[in-house]
């Protein structure tokens, strides 16, 4: 498979720990903007979107709250699959953090799963305002087939994306390194160069500076 979009900023679990943040981007203001059931309903301004997606129950809402420093910004539910719309949050009046529906939760009806798939694909493949997509995977699990299929599709379509390992606090350092290595090996079977990789823990805010700095660099490059 061709070189990964956005792969110039590759960061493994070990890499993240070694990065020195001279001036990490801070978020001062975050506010809910809108929820969209169709692509036509997303904001029509020129601000860029940085979107987050992953399997249901991967810890997406908790990570969004940790990134913004606001515990109630994204709703955290014990029931997977609760995010069913494309949710836009305006960050410091300059960019949008986008909370996308989760995928792969079996208890959702077949009709709803199809609707979610259509909404997700419409957004990630057709929304020109999306600048970058963060694909979340659970660091505790082996590479999941559905995640690998989604990542493969993003590569085939040339979507700029990175991989975010969640729940790293649940593993020892050695276990975490093995988990990241497994994913690297699985991706290396198809990719000439890997996408950016971030290792995070919502509980400890691990990796949040790395993601914010990455977004800040993207915003600076747009100017």
Protein backbone atom coordinates (compact mmCIF):
# COMPACT_ATOMS: atom_id res chain seq x y z
CA UNK A 1 0.00 0.00 0.00
CA UNK A 2 1.13 3.53 -0.65
CA UNK A 3 2.76 5.83 1.88
CA UNK A 4 0.43 6.87 4.68
CA UNK A 5 -1.04 10.40 4.54
CA UNK A 6 0.40 12.46 7.40
CA UNK A 7 3.17 9.99 8.14
CA UNK A 8 5.91 12.58 8.64
CA UNK A 9 5.06 12.86 12.35
CA UNK A 10 5.21 9.21 13.41
CA UNK A 11 5.26 8.76 17.21
CA UNK A 12 5.32 5.45 19.03
CA UNK A 13 4.74 4.98 22.76
CA UNK A 14 8.45 5.38 23.40
CA UNK A 15 8.67 8.34 21.04
CA UNK A 16 5.89 10.24 22.82
CA UNK A 17 7.70 10.02 26.14
CA UNK A 18 10.84 11.56 24.65
CA UNK A 19 9.21 14.58 23.01
CA UNK A 20 9.97 17.90 24.68
CA UNK A 21 7.10 20.38 24.41
CA UNK A 22 8.58 23.85 24.42
CA UNK A 23 5.20 25.45 23.87
CA UNK A 24 2.37 22.90 23.59
CA UNK A 25 -0.91 24.29 22.31
CA UNK A 26 -3.35 25.00 25.12
CA UNK A 27 -7.12 25.05 24.75
CA UNK A 28 -8.77 28.03 26.42
CA UNK A 29 -12.32 27.73 25.12
CA UNK A 30 -14.35 24.78 23.87
CA UNK A 31 -18.04 24.96 23.08
CA UNK A 32 -20.59 22.72 21.45
CA UNK A 33 -21.53 23.98 17.99
CA UNK A 34 -23.93 21.48 16.41
CA UNK A 35 -24.89 17.86 15.79
CA UNK A 36 -25.38 16.66 12.22
CA UNK A 37 -27.25 13.65 10.87
CA UNK A 38 -26.22 14.47 7.29
CA UNK A 39 -23.12 15.94 5.69
CA UNK A 40 -25.14 18.92 4.50
CA UNK A 41 -25.75 19.95 8.12
CA UNK A 42 -22.12 20.43 9.21
CA UNK A 43 -20.86 24.02 9.71
CA UNK A 44 -20.33 25.90 6.43
CA UNK A 45 -17.50 28.21 7.55
CA UNK A 46 -13.83 27.85 6.56
CA UNK A 47 -12.45 26.57 9.88
CA UNK A 48 -10.75 23.14 9.70
CA UNK A 49 -12.07 19.96 11.30
CA UNK A 50 -9.94 17.56 13.34
CA UNK A 51 -12.06 14.46 13.76
CA UNK A 52 -11.94 11.51 16.18
CA UNK A 53 -13.33 8.07 15.43
CA UNK A 54 -13.02 4.51 16.69
CA UNK A 55 -14.89 1.40 17.68
CA UNK A 56 -17.65 1.89 20.20
CA UNK A 57 -16.34 1.87 23.78
CA UNK A 58 -12.76 2.72 22.74
CA UNK A 59 -12.71 5.69 25.11
CA UNK A 60 -13.29 8.45 22.57
CA UNK A 61 -15.46 10.73 24.71
CA UNK A 62 -13.08 10.47 27.66
CA UNK A 63 -10.12 11.36 25.44
CA UNK A 64 -11.93 14.36 23.97
CA UNK A 65 -12.69 15.61 27.48
CA UNK A 66 -9.06 15.11 28.50
CA UNK A 67 -7.77 16.93 25.41
CA UNK A 68 -9.96 19.95 26.06
CA UNK A 69 -9.69 19.87 29.85
CA UNK A 70 -13.49 19.82 30.15
CA UNK A 71 -14.98 16.74 31.76
CA UNK A 72 -18.49 17.23 30.42
CA UNK A 73 -17.80 18.37 26.87
CA UNK A 74 -18.34 14.97 25.22
CA UNK A 75 -20.84 12.69 26.90
CA UNK A 76 -19.29 9.60 28.47
CA UNK A 77 -21.68 6.65 28.55
CA UNK A 78 -21.34 3.14 29.94
CA UNK A 79 -23.37 1.96 26.97
CA UNK A 80 -21.33 1.75 23.75
CA UNK A 81 -22.75 3.25 20.57
CA UNK A 82 -24.42 6.32 22.12
CA UNK A 83 -22.74 8.81 19.76
CA UNK A 84 -24.94 8.63 16.66
CA UNK A 85 -24.39 12.02 15.08
CA UNK A 86 -21.43 14.07 13.88
CA UNK A 87 -20.78 16.47 16.78
CA UNK A 88 -18.81 19.67 16.19
CA UNK A 89 -17.09 21.51 19.06
CA UNK A 90 -15.61 24.94 18.34
CA UNK A 91 -12.14 25.26 19.88
CA UNK A 92 -10.80 28.75 20.65
CA UNK A 93 -12.78 30.10 17.70
CA UNK A 94 -10.18 28.74 15.25
CA UNK A 95 -10.88 25.04 14.60
CA UNK A 96 -13.39 22.28 15.23
CA UNK A 97 -12.93 19.11 17.22
CA UNK A 98 -15.32 16.58 15.68
CA UNK A 99 -16.73 13.62 17.61
CA UNK A 100 -17.79 10.97 15.07
CA UNK A 101 -20.11 8.00 15.74
CA UNK A 102 -18.41 4.81 16.83
CA UNK A 103 -18.44 1.76 14.63
CA UNK A 104 -18.66 -1.99 15.17
CA UNK A 105 -21.06 -2.26 18.10
CA UNK A 106 -23.19 -5.37 17.48
CA UNK A 107 -26.18 -4.47 19.69
CA UNK A 108 -27.13 -1.58 17.44
CA UNK A 109 -29.84 -2.61 14.97
CA UNK A 110 -28.72 -3.53 11.45
CA UNK A 111 -30.59 -0.55 10.00
CA UNK A 112 -28.91 1.85 12.41
CA UNK A 113 -25.48 0.29 11.76
CA UNK A 114 -26.00 0.94 8.07
CA UNK A 115 -27.03 4.51 8.77
CA UNK A 116 -23.95 5.06 10.95
CA UNK A 117 -21.70 3.62 8.26
CA UNK A 118 -23.20 5.91 5.66
CA UNK A 119 -22.84 8.96 7.90
CA UNK A 120 -19.27 8.08 8.83
CA UNK A 121 -18.21 7.42 5.25
CA UNK A 122 -19.96 10.51 3.92
CA UNK A 123 -18.05 12.61 6.42
CA UNK A 124 -14.57 11.09 6.23
CA UNK A 125 -14.59 10.64 2.45
CA UNK A 126 -16.60 13.64 1.24
CA UNK A 127 -16.23 16.39 3.82
CA UNK A 128 -13.66 18.80 2.39
CA UNK A 129 -13.34 20.70 5.66
CA UNK A 130 -11.88 17.66 7.48
CA UNK A 131 -8.17 18.36 7.85
CA UNK A 132 -7.12 15.27 9.81
CA UNK A 133 -8.68 12.12 11.25
CA UNK A 134 -7.57 10.49 14.52
CA UNK A 135 -8.44 6.78 14.52
CA UNK A 136 -8.65 5.45 18.09
CA UNK A 137 -7.74 1.85 18.97
CA UNK A 138 -7.75 0.14 22.37
CA UNK A 139 -4.14 -0.49 23.43
CA UNK A 140 -5.19 -3.54 25.46
CA UNK A 141 -6.39 -5.51 22.45
CA UNK A 142 -4.78 -7.31 19.56
CA UNK A 143 -5.19 -5.45 16.23
CA UNK A 144 -8.90 -5.75 15.48
CA UNK A 145 -10.04 -6.72 11.99
CA UNK A 146 -12.63 -3.95 11.80
CA UNK A 147 -10.02 -1.32 12.77
CA UNK A 148 -7.57 -2.63 10.18
CA UNK A 149 -10.27 -2.60 7.50
CA UNK A 150 -11.16 1.00 8.33
CA UNK A 151 -7.48 2.04 8.35
CA UNK A 152 -6.97 0.29 5.00
CA UNK A 153 -9.92 2.18 3.52
CA UNK A 154 -8.54 5.50 4.75
CA UNK A 155 -5.22 4.72 3.06
CA UNK A 156 -6.87 3.68 -0.18
CA UNK A 157 -8.89 6.91 -0.25
CA UNK A 158 -5.92 9.12 0.66
CA UNK A 159 -7.50 10.40 3.89
CA UNK A 160 -4.91 12.03 6.21
CA UNK A 161 -5.08 10.16 9.50
CA UNK A 162 -3.15 9.01 12.54
CA UNK A 163 -3.62 6.18 15.03
CA UNK A 164 -4.33 6.90 18.70
CA UNK A 165 -3.84 4.15 21.26
CA UNK A 166 -6.23 4.64 24.19
CA UNK A 167 -6.29 3.34 27.79
CA UNK A 168 -2.50 3.01 28.04
CA UNK A 169 -2.75 3.31 31.84
CA UNK A 170 -4.28 -0.19 31.89
CA UNK A 171 -0.99 -1.73 30.70
CA UNK A 172 2.55 -1.90 32.01
CA UNK A 173 5.23 -0.16 29.94
CA UNK A 174 6.40 -3.52 28.55
CA UNK A 175 2.84 -4.56 27.66
CA UNK A 176 2.21 -1.22 25.99
CA UNK A 177 5.36 -1.44 23.92
CA UNK A 178 4.38 -4.94 22.79
CA UNK A 179 0.89 -3.74 21.89
CA UNK A 180 2.21 -0.86 19.76
CA UNK A 181 4.75 -3.21 18.16
CA UNK A 182 1.98 -5.65 17.20
CA UNK A 183 0.09 -2.87 15.45
CA UNK A 184 3.20 -1.64 13.69
CA UNK A 185 3.88 -5.17 12.44
CA UNK A 186 0.30 -5.62 11.23
CA UNK A 187 0.36 -2.29 9.38
CA UNK A 188 3.83 -2.87 7.96
CA UNK A 189 2.41 -5.80 5.98
CA UNK A 190 0.55 -3.30 3.79
CA UNK A 191 2.08 0.13 4.39
CA UNK A 192 5.38 1.42 3.05
CA UNK A 193 5.41 4.09 5.75
CA UNK A 194 3.27 4.18 8.87
CA UNK A 195 0.85 6.96 9.84
CA UNK A 196 1.49 9.14 12.91
CA UNK A 197 1.03 7.18 16.12
CA UNK A 198 -0.01 8.60 19.50
CA UNK A 199 -0.25 6.77 22.83
CA UNK A 200 -2.79 8.17 25.29
CA UNK A 201 -4.46 7.74 28.64
CA UNK A 202 -7.51 9.87 29.41
CA UNK A 203 -7.10 9.12 33.12
CA UNK A 204 -3.54 10.47 33.25
CA UNK A 205 -3.80 12.87 30.27
CA UNK A 206 -0.87 10.99 28.70
CA UNK A 207 -0.36 11.91 25.05
CA UNK A 208 -2.76 14.87 25.10
CA UNK A 209 0.08 17.36 24.66
CA UNK A 210 1.32 15.36 21.67
CA UNK A 211 -2.07 15.49 19.96
CA UNK A 212 -2.58 19.18 20.73
CA UNK A 213 0.91 19.99 19.46
CA UNK A 214 0.23 18.03 16.27
CA UNK A 215 -3.00 19.98 15.70
CA UNK A 216 -1.21 23.25 16.46
CA UNK A 217 1.46 22.42 13.87
CA UNK A 218 -1.24 21.63 11.31
CA UNK A 219 -2.93 24.97 12.00
CA UNK A 220 0.37 26.85 11.69
CA UNK A 221 1.07 25.18 8.36
CA UNK A 222 -2.29 26.35 7.02
CA UNK A 223 -1.47 30.02 7.59
